[in-house]
Amino acid sequence: MTDSGSPRAKQSRTDRRVEAREKARQLRAEHKKKERRTRWLLQGGIAAVLLAIIVIVALVLTNSIRPERGGPRNMASDGIKIAEGLTAVQTPGIAPGTEPVPSAPNEPGVVAITIWVDYLCPLCGEFEAENGELIRTLVESGAATVEYHPIAILTALSAGTQYSLRAANAAACVSNYNPDAFFDFNEAMFAQQPEEGSEGLTDEQIIEIARDAGATSTSLERCVDDGRFTEWVKAATTRAGNGPLPVEGTEVENVRGTPTVLVNGELYNPSYPFDSTEFSQFVLSAAGDEFAASPSPSPSPAP
């Protein structure tokens, strides 16, 4: 029988109380550590959320105050005008928030051809294949000018790559930096036109086409890669669809599809398939007696 009042029993009880107090102290210390960790995690999470909010707000503010970019140089009419010798008529770029202005009228006897194109549009490619050489002959000799308006109405039809928009932006870049290379660039883009519904050409391939056409500016690649004029392309596409068209003397209100072709402001309604002889006759008809009586070369297609 154990004696609870013995010194040994009292010592045992004392040890147990000391041990219990030590365990309680350890539990309190561990609980405080957990509380501190929880508080740190909570504070860290709140800080991360606040940092993310600050970053988002900063981006929104930066984008909202970023100055609107104007249009490319040599496209004050939303298109680039190519004249005798295939040289571009140079103009300042359209200022932010302003409307395009019609190109200056041609001299008497010089036909004005105006074309809205989408670089993914199959009909645009077929029109160029049939009539491109005729247009080249007319413009190179000074018998006509041609004004190309690149727009992007088929942006959704390139497997998600937005080829129409990228190609039109590249055309604007060429106009801005190497305008005299534009005619050859435009011709080459249709010569290497991808199929509708495909991914289209890459930016690198478009840049290579531009280089081969004579666009040698060191700024061209960055302009294409950055999509510098994509917002202008979108705005120009909307303007072309809504009208009025920036063409002196035309009664055509807007662009309803591509290619849309005007000759001295008159709409060309071709038969299909395209026929260069038919287009040549339309040029003569739209130009009238003044063109026929002028000393400029005949627009009849070469054999």
Protein backbone atom coordinates (compact mmCIF):
# COMPACT_ATOMS: atom_id res chain seq x y z
CA MET A 1 0.00 0.00 0.00
CA THR A 2 1.39 3.35 -1.09
CA ASP A 3 1.58 6.22 1.33
CA SER A 4 0.28 9.32 -0.45
CA GLY A 5 1.66 11.51 2.21
CA SER A 6 5.19 10.25 1.93
CA PRO A 7 7.98 12.54 0.63
CA ARG A 8 8.34 10.30 -2.41
CA ALA A 9 4.65 10.72 -3.36
CA LYS A 10 4.86 14.49 -2.86
CA GLN A 11 7.92 14.62 -5.13
CA SER A 12 6.10 12.62 -7.79
CA ARG A 13 3.14 14.99 -7.72
CA THR A 14 5.50 17.96 -7.98
CA ASP A 15 7.22 16.44 -10.98
CA ARG A 16 3.91 15.84 -12.70
CA ARG A 17 2.84 19.43 -12.10
CA VAL A 18 6.14 20.72 -13.46
CA GLU A 19 5.81 18.45 -16.48
CA ALA A 20 2.23 19.58 -17.05
CA ARG A 21 3.22 23.21 -16.83
CA GLU A 22 6.06 22.63 -19.29
CA LYS A 23 3.72 20.93 -21.76
CA ALA A 24 1.23 23.76 -21.38
CA ARG A 25 4.03 26.26 -22.00
CA GLN A 26 5.12 24.38 -25.13
CA LEU A 27 1.55 24.23 -26.41
CA ARG A 28 1.11 27.96 -25.86
CA ALA A 29 4.38 28.67 -27.67
CA GLU A 30 3.40 26.43 -30.59
CA HIS A 31 -0.02 28.07 -30.74
CA LYS A 32 1.60 31.50 -30.86
CA LYS A 33 3.89 30.33 -33.68
CA LYS A 34 0.88 29.11 -35.64
CA GLU A 35 -0.89 32.39 -35.05
CA ARG A 36 2.14 34.32 -36.28
CA ARG A 37 2.44 32.10 -39.38
CA THR A 38 -1.25 32.52 -40.12
CA ARG A 39 -0.98 36.27 -39.64
CA TRP A 40 2.07 36.43 -41.93
CA LEU A 41 0.36 34.35 -44.60
CA LEU A 42 -2.76 36.48 -44.38
CA GLN A 43 -0.79 39.69 -44.54
CA GLY A 44 1.30 38.33 -47.44
CA GLY A 45 -1.85 37.32 -49.33
CA ILE A 46 -3.40 40.73 -48.79
CA ALA A 47 -0.17 42.39 -49.93
CA ALA A 48 -0.08 40.24 -53.06
CA VAL A 49 -3.70 41.11 -53.87
CA LEU A 50 -3.03 44.79 -53.28
CA LEU A 51 0.06 44.61 -55.50
CA ALA A 52 -1.94 42.94 -58.26
CA ILE A 53 -4.62 45.62 -57.99
CA ILE A 54 -1.98 48.35 -58.15
CA VAL A 55 -0.44 46.77 -61.26
CA ILE A 56 -3.85 46.46 -62.97
CA VAL A 57 -4.78 50.04 -62.14
CA ALA A 58 -1.40 51.23 -63.40
CA LEU A 59 -1.88 49.37 -66.68
CA VAL A 60 -5.37 50.76 -67.11
CA LEU A 61 -4.17 54.29 -66.43
CA THR A 62 -1.19 53.85 -68.74
CA ASN A 63 -3.39 52.59 -71.56
CA SER A 64 -5.97 55.29 -70.98
CA ILE A 65 -3.43 58.10 -71.20
CA ARG A 66 -1.39 56.56 -74.05
CA PRO A 67 -1.62 58.99 -76.96
CA GLU A 68 -3.66 57.76 -79.91
CA ARG A 69 -1.50 56.93 -82.89
CA GLY A 70 -2.13 58.57 -86.19
CA GLY A 71 -2.25 56.86 -89.55
CA PRO A 72 0.74 56.01 -91.71
CA ARG A 73 2.44 58.62 -93.83
CA ASN A 74 1.33 58.82 -97.47
CA MET A 75 -2.16 57.57 -96.60
CA ALA A 76 -4.02 60.78 -95.78
CA SER A 77 -6.94 59.44 -97.83
CA ASP A 78 -6.78 56.05 -96.04
CA GLY A 79 -5.01 54.85 -99.19
CA ILE A 80 -1.67 55.29 -100.92
CA LYS A 81 -1.66 56.87 -104.37
CA ILE A 82 0.88 55.56 -106.88
CA ALA A 83 1.74 57.78 -109.83
CA GLU A 84 4.00 57.80 -112.88
CA GLY A 85 7.07 55.62 -112.52
CA LEU A 86 5.32 53.72 -109.69
CA THR A 87 6.31 56.43 -107.23
CA ALA A 88 4.06 57.26 -104.30
CA VAL A 89 2.38 60.62 -103.86
CA GLN A 90 3.64 61.65 -100.45
CA THR A 91 1.34 63.09 -97.79
CA PRO A 92 1.48 63.44 -94.02
CA GLY A 93 -0.24 60.76 -91.99
CA ILE A 94 -3.80 61.27 -90.88
CA ALA A 95 -3.80 62.88 -87.44
CA PRO A 96 -5.47 61.12 -84.49
CA GLY A 97 -9.20 61.77 -84.36
CA THR A 98 -9.41 63.32 -87.83
CA GLU A 99 -11.09 62.11 -91.00
CA PRO A 100 -9.26 61.10 -94.20
CA VAL A 101 -9.10 63.63 -97.00
CA PRO A 102 -9.48 62.83 -100.73
CA SER A 103 -6.32 62.79 -102.79
CA ALA A 104 -5.70 65.76 -105.05
CA PRO A 105 -7.31 65.39 -108.49
CA ASN A 106 -5.16 64.15 -111.34
CA GLU A 107 -4.12 66.29 -114.24
CA PRO A 108 -6.48 66.22 -117.23
CA GLY A 109 -6.14 63.00 -119.18
CA VAL A 110 -4.70 60.98 -116.28
CA VAL A 111 -7.13 58.30 -115.10
CA ALA A 112 -7.65 57.78 -111.35
CA ILE A 113 -8.08 54.14 -110.34
CA THR A 114 -8.99 53.48 -106.71
CA ILE A 115 -9.06 49.98 -105.22
CA TRP A 116 -10.04 48.67 -101.77
CA VAL A 117 -8.36 45.34 -101.08
CA ASP A 118 -8.17 42.71 -98.37
CA TYR A 119 -5.01 40.63 -98.69
CA LEU A 120 -6.90 37.43 -97.81
CA CYS A 121 -9.73 38.08 -100.28
CA PRO A 122 -9.60 35.47 -103.11
CA LEU A 123 -11.41 37.77 -105.56
CA CYS A 124 -8.85 40.49 -104.87
CA GLY A 125 -6.12 38.03 -105.78
CA GLU A 126 -7.91 37.03 -108.98
CA PHE A 127 -8.51 40.66 -109.95
CA GLU A 128 -4.83 41.42 -109.41
CA ALA A 129 -3.72 38.37 -111.38
CA GLU A 130 -5.88 39.37 -114.37
CA ASN A 131 -5.48 43.16 -114.30
CA GLY A 132 -2.28 43.85 -112.40
CA GLU A 133 -0.08 44.03 -115.49
CA LEU A 134 -2.50 46.42 -117.22
CA ILE A 135 -2.57 48.68 -114.15
CA ARG A 136 1.22 48.55 -113.95
CA THR A 137 1.51 49.64 -117.61
CA LEU A 138 -0.96 52.49 -117.18
CA VAL A 139 0.59 53.83 -113.97
CA GLU A 140 4.22 53.34 -114.92
CA SER A 141 3.70 55.30 -118.13
CA GLY A 142 1.75 58.12 -116.47
CA ALA A 143 -1.56 57.32 -118.15
CA ALA A 144 -3.20 56.62 -114.78
CA THR A 145 -2.71 56.63 -111.05
CA VAL A 146 -3.78 53.82 -108.75
CA GLU A 147 -4.72 54.32 -105.13
CA TYR A 148 -4.72 51.22 -102.93
CA HIS A 149 -6.79 51.14 -99.75
CA PRO A 150 -5.81 48.11 -97.63
CA ILE A 151 -8.61 47.09 -95.27
CA ALA A 152 -9.30 44.04 -93.11
CA ILE A 153 -12.78 42.59 -93.49
CA LEU A 154 -11.71 38.91 -93.37
CA THR A 155 -9.73 39.07 -90.13
CA ALA A 156 -11.74 36.22 -88.59
CA LEU A 157 -11.11 33.85 -91.51
CA SER A 158 -7.46 32.96 -90.92
CA ALA A 159 -7.53 30.28 -88.21
CA GLY A 160 -7.11 32.81 -85.42
CA THR A 161 -3.96 34.55 -86.74
CA GLN A 162 -5.77 37.72 -87.89
CA TYR A 163 -3.92 37.59 -91.19
CA SER A 164 -6.03 40.28 -92.90
CA LEU A 165 -5.33 42.72 -90.10
CA ARG A 166 -1.63 41.89 -89.94
CA ALA A 167 -1.21 42.13 -93.71
CA ALA A 168 -2.98 45.49 -93.89
CA ASN A 169 -0.83 46.74 -91.01
CA ALA A 170 2.28 45.65 -92.93
CA ALA A 171 1.02 47.51 -96.00
CA ALA A 172 0.65 50.62 -93.84
CA CYS A 173 4.21 50.12 -92.55
CA VAL A 174 5.53 49.95 -96.13
CA SER A 175 3.57 53.10 -96.98
CA ASN A 176 5.03 54.85 -93.97
CA TYR A 177 8.69 53.90 -94.41
CA ASN A 178 9.18 52.86 -98.07
CA PRO A 179 6.24 54.23 -100.08
CA ASP A 180 7.90 53.78 -103.47
CA ALA A 181 8.11 50.04 -102.79
CA PHE A 182 4.37 49.78 -102.21
CA PHE A 183 3.26 48.84 -105.73
CA ASP A 184 5.65 45.88 -105.90
CA PHE A 185 4.82 44.90 -102.31
CA ASN A 186 1.09 44.87 -103.09
CA GLU A 187 1.66 42.81 -106.23
CA ALA A 188 3.85 40.29 -104.37
CA MET A 189 1.38 39.92 -101.50
CA PHE A 190 -1.24 38.73 -103.96
CA ALA A 191 1.23 36.59 -105.88
CA GLN A 192 1.89 34.74 -102.59
CA GLN A 193 -1.64 35.00 -101.24
CA PRO A 194 -2.62 32.27 -98.75
CA GLU A 195 -5.95 30.48 -98.93
CA GLU A 196 -8.93 31.82 -97.04
CA GLY A 197 -9.34 29.83 -93.83
CA SER A 198 -5.63 29.08 -93.53
CA GLU A 199 -3.29 30.64 -90.97
CA GLY A 200 -1.91 32.91 -93.65
CA LEU A 201 1.65 34.15 -93.88
CA THR A 202 3.71 34.80 -90.76
CA ASP A 203 4.97 38.27 -89.95
CA GLU A 204 8.47 37.08 -90.87
CA GLN A 205 7.26 35.97 -94.31
CA ILE A 206 5.46 39.28 -94.87
CA ILE A 207 8.61 41.19 -93.92
CA GLU A 208 10.61 39.08 -96.37
CA ILE A 209 8.11 39.94 -99.14
CA ALA A 210 8.46 43.63 -98.24
CA ARG A 211 12.26 43.41 -98.31
CA ASP A 212 12.20 41.70 -101.71
CA ALA A 213 9.91 44.48 -102.98
CA GLY A 214 12.45 47.12 -101.99
CA ALA A 215 11.27 48.10 -98.50
CA THR A 216 14.67 48.45 -96.84
CA SER A 217 13.90 50.65 -93.84
CA THR A 218 15.37 49.36 -90.59
CA SER A 219 12.16 50.42 -88.83
CA LEU A 220 9.91 48.21 -90.96
CA GLU A 221 10.38 44.99 -88.99
CA ARG A 222 9.48 46.55 -85.66
CA CYS A 223 6.48 48.29 -87.23
CA VAL A 224 5.16 44.95 -88.49
CA ASP A 225 5.97 42.99 -85.33
CA ASP A 226 4.43 45.62 -83.03
CA GLY A 227 1.29 46.02 -85.17
CA ARG A 228 1.88 49.75 -85.09
CA PHE A 229 -1.00 50.62 -87.42
CA THR A 230 -3.54 47.93 -86.50
CA GLU A 231 -5.87 50.43 -84.82
CA TRP A 232 -5.69 52.65 -87.89
CA VAL A 233 -6.50 49.63 -90.12
CA LYS A 234 -9.56 48.84 -88.01
CA ALA A 235 -10.70 52.47 -88.16
CA ALA A 236 -10.07 52.70 -91.93
CA THR A 237 -12.02 49.46 -92.45
CA THR A 238 -14.95 50.86 -90.49
CA ARG A 239 -14.81 54.13 -92.41
CA ALA A 240 -14.79 52.30 -95.73
CA GLY A 241 -17.82 50.25 -94.70
CA ASN A 242 -19.78 53.19 -93.32
CA GLY A 243 -18.80 55.82 -95.87
CA PRO A 244 -18.63 58.38 -97.26
CA LEU A 245 -15.64 57.36 -99.35
CA PRO A 246 -12.75 59.86 -99.52
CA VAL A 247 -12.85 60.07 -103.33
CA GLU A 248 -13.59 63.31 -105.13
CA GLY A 249 -16.71 63.27 -107.30
CA THR A 250 -17.84 59.69 -106.62
CA GLU A 251 -21.45 58.78 -105.99
CA VAL A 252 -20.47 55.43 -104.46
CA GLU A 253 -21.35 55.68 -100.79
CA ASN A 254 -19.33 52.91 -99.22
CA VAL A 255 -17.43 49.66 -99.67
CA ARG A 256 -19.61 46.56 -99.54
CA GLY A 257 -16.94 44.03 -100.39
CA THR A 258 -13.50 43.60 -101.87
CA PRO A 259 -12.22 44.32 -104.36
CA THR A 260 -14.11 47.58 -104.77
CA VAL A 261 -12.76 49.36 -107.85
CA LEU A 262 -13.48 52.92 -108.94
CA VAL A 263 -12.27 54.54 -112.14
CA ASN A 264 -12.59 58.32 -112.04
CA GLY A 265 -15.11 57.77 -109.26
CA GLU A 266 -17.27 55.33 -111.24
CA LEU A 267 -17.85 51.86 -109.79
CA TYR A 268 -16.55 48.94 -111.84
CA ASN A 269 -19.05 46.05 -111.82
CA PRO A 270 -17.10 43.25 -113.50
CA SER A 271 -18.31 40.03 -114.97
CA TYR A 272 -16.78 36.86 -113.59
CA PRO A 273 -14.23 35.50 -114.19
CA PHE A 274 -12.32 38.78 -114.50
CA ASP A 275 -11.24 39.88 -117.96
CA SER A 276 -8.49 42.46 -118.52
CA THR A 277 -10.06 43.46 -121.85
CA GLU A 278 -13.32 44.26 -120.11
CA PHE A 279 -11.51 46.31 -117.47
CA SER A 280 -9.51 48.14 -120.15
CA GLN A 281 -12.73 49.06 -121.92
CA PHE A 282 -14.24 50.27 -118.66
CA VAL A 283 -11.19 52.48 -118.08
CA LEU A 284 -11.62 54.02 -121.53
CA SER A 285 -15.35 54.50 -120.98
CA ALA A 286 -14.97 56.04 -117.52
CA ALA A 287 -12.13 58.30 -118.66
CA GLY A 288 -14.12 59.62 -121.63
CA ASP A 289 -12.98 61.70 -124.57
CA GLU A 290 -10.46 63.65 -122.52
CA PHE A 291 -8.36 60.52 -121.93
CA ALA A 292 -8.65 59.36 -125.53
CA ALA A 293 -7.51 62.77 -126.81
CA SER A 294 -4.61 63.07 -124.37
CA PRO A 295 -1.04 62.17 -125.33
CA SER A 296 -0.86 59.60 -122.52
CA PRO A 297 -0.29 56.00 -123.56
CA SER A 298 -3.26 53.82 -124.43
CA PRO A 299 -4.64 51.58 -121.68
CA SER A 300 -5.13 48.68 -124.06
CA PRO A 301 -3.65 45.51 -122.53
CA ALA A 302 -0.44 44.16 -124.00
CA PRO A 303 -0.79 41.07 -126.18
